Protein backbone atom coordinates (compact mmCIF):
# COMPACT_ATOMS: atom_id res chain seq x y z
CA MET A 1 -33.01 145.49 -108.13
CA GLN A 2 -31.36 142.38 -108.13
CA GLU A 3 -34.10 140.45 -109.73
CA THR A 4 -34.29 143.29 -112.52
CA HIS A 5 -30.92 143.03 -113.07
CA HIS A 6 -31.27 139.00 -113.47
CA PHE A 7 -33.97 139.29 -115.48
CA CYS A 8 -32.44 141.88 -117.61
CA PHE A 9 -29.51 140.08 -118.52
CA CYS A 10 -31.48 136.62 -119.25
CA ILE A 11 -33.25 138.55 -121.92
CA ARG A 12 -30.03 139.77 -123.07
CA ARG A 13 -28.80 136.10 -123.02
CA LYS A 14 -31.98 134.42 -124.52
CA ILE A 15 -31.74 137.60 -127.69
CA SER A 16 -28.33 136.42 -128.00
CA SER A 17 -28.82 133.04 -129.04
CA ILE A 18 -31.40 133.74 -131.03
CA ALA A 19 -28.90 135.85 -132.81
CA GLU A 20 -26.85 133.43 -133.08
CA SER A 21 -29.11 130.63 -134.10
CA LYS A 22 -30.39 133.11 -137.23
CA SER A 23 -26.53 133.87 -137.87
CA ALA A 24 -25.94 129.83 -138.06
CA GLN A 25 -29.01 129.18 -140.07
CA ARG A 26 -27.89 132.20 -142.86
CA VAL A 27 -24.09 130.43 -142.89
CA SER A 28 -25.73 127.07 -143.51
CA SER A 29 -28.02 128.59 -145.88
CA LYS A 30 -25.21 130.52 -147.77
CA HIS A 31 -23.18 127.25 -147.35
CA ILE A 32 -25.80 125.11 -149.31
CA TYR A 33 -26.32 127.66 -151.73
CA LEU A 34 -22.69 127.43 -152.41
CA ARG A 35 -22.05 124.27 -152.46
CA LYS A 36 -25.10 123.62 -154.82
CA LYS A 37 -23.44 126.23 -157.23
CA LEU A 38 -19.96 124.63 -156.85
CA ASN A 39 -21.40 121.29 -158.31
CA LYS A 40 -22.87 123.38 -160.79
CA LYS A 41 -19.93 124.31 -162.34
CA LYS A 42 -17.72 121.01 -161.62
CA GLU A 43 -20.69 119.55 -163.90
CA LYS A 44 -20.40 121.86 -166.69
CA LYS A 45 -16.70 121.53 -166.56
CA ARG A 46 -16.81 117.58 -166.76
CA SER A 47 -19.61 118.54 -169.57
CA LYS A 48 -17.19 120.39 -171.23
CA GLU A 49 -14.37 118.28 -171.18
CA ALA A 50 -16.22 115.57 -172.19
CA SER A 51 -17.28 117.14 -174.93
CA GLU A 52 -13.74 118.65 -176.21
CA LYS A 53 -12.89 114.88 -175.46
CA LEU A 54 -15.34 113.34 -178.37
CA GLU A 55 -14.61 115.90 -180.86
CA LYS A 56 -10.98 114.88 -180.43
CA LEU A 57 -11.97 111.60 -180.70
CA MET A 58 -14.01 112.45 -183.94
CA LYS A 59 -11.53 114.35 -185.85
CA GLU A 60 -8.72 111.38 -185.66
CA VAL A 61 -8.42 108.81 -187.98
CA HIS A 62 -8.84 104.88 -186.41
CA THR A 63 -8.52 101.89 -187.52
CA ASP A 64 -11.51 100.43 -185.68
CA ASN A 65 -14.31 102.28 -183.64
CA ILE A 66 -13.51 100.97 -180.23
CA GLN A 67 -11.85 104.12 -179.21
CA VAL A 68 -14.65 106.62 -180.37
CA MET A 69 -17.49 103.67 -178.75
CA LYS A 70 -15.46 103.94 -175.77
CA GLY A 71 -15.50 107.73 -175.57
CA LEU A 72 -19.03 107.33 -175.97
CA ILE A 73 -20.02 104.91 -173.89
CA TYR A 74 -17.73 104.64 -170.65
CA ALA A 75 -18.89 106.36 -167.85
CA LYS A 76 -16.32 105.31 -165.71
CA GLU A 77 -12.78 103.32 -166.66
CA ASP A 78 -13.40 100.83 -164.11
CA GLN A 79 -17.22 100.09 -165.27
CA LEU A 80 -17.93 97.41 -167.95
CA PRO A 81 -20.40 98.91 -169.89
CA LEU A 82 -22.08 96.00 -171.85
CA LEU A 83 -24.75 94.25 -170.40
CA LYS A 84 -24.69 90.07 -172.20
CA GLY A 85 -28.55 89.63 -172.06
CA ASP A 86 -28.48 85.72 -172.08
CA THR A 87 -26.16 85.69 -168.86
CA GLU A 88 -26.64 89.31 -167.41
CA THR A 89 -23.06 89.65 -167.13
CA ARG A 90 -21.09 92.82 -167.74
CA ASP A 91 -18.74 92.62 -170.85
CA SER A 92 -16.27 95.40 -171.96
CA ILE A 93 -16.66 96.78 -175.47
CA GLU A 94 -13.55 94.89 -176.53
CA VAL A 95 -15.99 91.98 -177.30
CA LEU A 96 -17.58 93.79 -180.22
CA ARG A 97 -14.00 93.55 -182.27
CA SER A 98 -14.91 89.95 -183.11
């Protein structure tokens, strides 16, 4: 009788462990799905904001095209977008003024 009780306990414990594992997999899968969905929404929002910024820039009057070029070229404010071919160094758009 004792062995039967112990055997049943072991089986219940194993089943519980399997159920917890499957549950953890479902939660992990759901987390990955939601993370991807959130990243897509963030990217869509950034794209919309960039489009609106460019549209606004195009409607404004400029004395030169530097602001428009910055809006079109800059990916990040702290990044120098132009590469000088002869020296292979980076430079700002401001060098195009001269």
